[in-house]
Each structure stands twice: as C-alpha cells, then as structure tokens.
Amino acid sequence: MHTITTTGLIWQALNLLTWVIILDVIFTWVVYLGKMSSYHPIPKTLHSITSPLLDPIRKVLPAYRTGGLDLSPMILIMLLRVLQGVIGG
C-alpha cells in the first residue's frame, strides 16, 4: 500500500503546475500561428491558471529586455524545480 504524504502531494502539485506551464507555452504558439482561437477553452483555461504566476516575473523581466523572448515560463519552471528540490521527493 502506498502512503500519501503532504510533502509528496505538494511535490506532485508542483510537477503538475510545471506541465500546465509547458502546455500553456505550446498553446500560445498554436494560437499565435492561427491554428486555434484564443477564445478556445483550452488556451483560455491554461492562461487563467498560469498568468497570475507569470505576470510578476514579466513585470520584472519584460520581453523587450530579452530581445522579444518571454523567458518567464522558463524562469518559473526553474523556480518550481528548485522548490521541489528543497521539499524533497
């Protein structure tokens, strides 16, 4: 029998959030390329989940300072991985 711990649950939630961020990046490109509307429920939902976490990073490091490249998803994923390392798992 597998025991569920609070630490394990937090670690899995951070892992899930990492995948949500990756999916948000992918769907941002799909919308940008015109393959899907930005009003489609999938990109809207992903953006509503990730935007509150990415916006503070975007304020500190706007895309115009990095040659138009939005590095906030990569920075957030690195922070989540560091946090996972701190809590263990």
Protein backbone atom coordinates (compact mmCIF):
# COMPACT_ATOMS: atom_id res chain seq x y z
CA MET A 1 0.00 0.00 0.00
CA HIS A 2 1.30 3.47 -0.94
CA THR A 3 1.15 6.16 1.73
CA ILE A 4 0.28 9.68 0.61
CA THR A 5 2.24 12.38 2.43
CA THR A 6 1.74 16.14 2.43
CA THR A 7 5.22 16.61 1.01
CA GLY A 8 4.52 14.13 -1.76
CA LEU A 9 1.24 15.84 -2.59
CA ILE A 10 2.91 19.27 -2.78
CA TRP A 11 5.68 17.82 -4.94
CA GLN A 12 3.12 16.32 -7.34
CA ALA A 13 1.16 19.59 -7.46
CA LEU A 14 4.35 21.45 -8.41
CA ASN A 15 5.04 18.83 -11.06
CA LEU A 16 1.52 19.22 -12.46
CA LEU A 17 1.93 23.01 -12.49
CA THR A 18 5.15 22.60 -14.48
CA TRP A 19 3.27 20.63 -17.14
CA VAL A 20 0.46 23.20 -17.20
CA ILE A 21 3.05 25.93 -17.88
CA ILE A 22 4.58 23.86 -20.70
CA LEU A 23 1.14 23.28 -22.22
CA ASP A 24 0.37 27.00 -21.93
CA VAL A 25 3.53 27.82 -23.88
CA ILE A 26 2.66 25.28 -26.58
CA PHE A 27 -0.92 26.51 -26.93
CA THR A 28 0.28 30.13 -27.01
CA TRP A 29 2.24 29.22 -30.14
CA VAL A 30 -0.70 27.28 -31.60
CA VAL A 31 -2.90 30.37 -31.14
CA TYR A 32 -0.15 32.67 -32.49
CA LEU A 33 0.17 30.53 -35.63
CA GLY A 34 -3.58 30.83 -36.18
CA LYS A 35 -4.35 27.14 -35.69
CA MET A 36 -6.71 27.83 -32.78
CA SER A 37 -8.68 30.78 -31.49
CA SER A 38 -7.51 32.49 -28.31
CA TYR A 39 -11.14 32.17 -27.17
CA HIS A 40 -10.96 28.36 -27.26
CA PRO A 41 -11.46 26.94 -23.72
CA ILE A 42 -8.10 25.14 -23.59
CA PRO A 43 -5.78 28.15 -24.05
CA LYS A 44 -8.12 30.35 -22.01
CA THR A 45 -8.06 27.93 -19.07
CA LEU A 46 -4.31 27.36 -19.23
CA HIS A 47 -3.69 31.11 -19.41
CA SER A 48 -6.00 31.77 -16.45
CA ILE A 49 -4.00 29.27 -14.37
CA THR A 50 -0.51 30.41 -15.34
CA SER A 51 -1.00 34.15 -15.78
CA PRO A 52 -1.11 35.04 -12.04
CA LEU A 53 2.23 33.27 -11.59
CA LEU A 54 3.93 34.52 -14.75
CA ASP A 55 2.80 38.18 -14.65
CA PRO A 56 5.02 39.18 -11.69
CA ILE A 57 8.05 37.72 -13.47
CA ARG A 58 7.06 39.53 -16.67
CA LYS A 59 6.93 42.82 -14.76
CA VAL A 60 10.48 42.32 -13.50
CA LEU A 61 11.83 40.98 -16.81
CA PRO A 62 9.72 42.28 -19.71
CA ALA A 63 10.14 40.64 -23.11
CA TYR A 64 11.52 43.81 -24.70
CA ARG A 65 14.59 43.49 -22.45
CA THR A 66 15.28 39.96 -23.67
CA GLY A 67 15.04 40.58 -27.40
CA GLY A 68 11.29 39.93 -27.55
CA LEU A 69 11.58 36.49 -25.98
CA ASP A 70 9.34 35.83 -22.97
CA LEU A 71 11.56 33.97 -20.51
CA SER A 72 9.03 33.99 -17.66
CA PRO A 73 7.80 30.38 -18.20
CA MET A 74 11.38 29.06 -18.13
CA ILE A 75 12.21 31.09 -15.00
CA LEU A 76 9.04 29.91 -13.24
CA ILE A 77 9.75 26.27 -14.14
CA MET A 78 13.28 26.62 -12.75
CA LEU A 79 11.89 28.13 -9.53
CA LEU A 80 9.39 25.27 -9.23
CA ARG A 81 12.18 22.72 -9.71
CA VAL A 82 14.27 24.42 -7.02
CA LEU A 83 11.26 24.36 -4.71
CA GLN A 84 10.77 20.65 -5.44
CA GLY A 85 14.41 20.05 -4.59
CA VAL A 86 14.01 21.90 -1.30
CA ILE A 87 10.95 19.94 -0.20
CA GLY A 88 12.38 16.62 -1.41
CA GLY A 89 10.71 13.90 -3.30
